[in-house]
């Protein structure tokens, strides 16, 4: 596909053509529609996965459980060409405080990691940003922390060593 794809999230289990609970084969087929799948190394306590890096800069990763079924879908840092949309909200282009306010109007949202992570457990959705407006920016494009950089749809209980990966936690 060319840049300009819209990934619509339908929590708790759908991100565009990807689905929580899908088999490895089904997931690879769906990823091929988005780009060239690459093997993702496993992490402590989990299995390897598959992902795609879109020409726009959007990274998509699918992580599998012991039965080779998707237990988490991660979307990260899109540029302006691709969009990640939940219920009309562009999760990476609308300021984080506006996204959180809109989510809170629909479901309970908890703040974690001093504002880096927001978790909507009822949607199985986590949002993460590397810095917050209260912190000095790093090398990221969003140096002031106004926007989210990563979204995660995951089964309850899915854990990730996000200190090593920059990935939010679904629990």
Foldseek 3Di string as FASTA:
>chain_A
DAFQEEFEDDFQFGTRLGGFFAAQVSRCVSQVVQPHKDWACFDVPFHIWIWDQHPQRWIWIFGAHPVRTTFKIKIFAGHPRYFYDYPRDRQFPAFPVVVVVVVVVPADWDAPPVRQKIARLVRQKMWGDPDAQVDQADPDPPRNHRGTTMMMNGDPPDADPCVVVVDDGSD
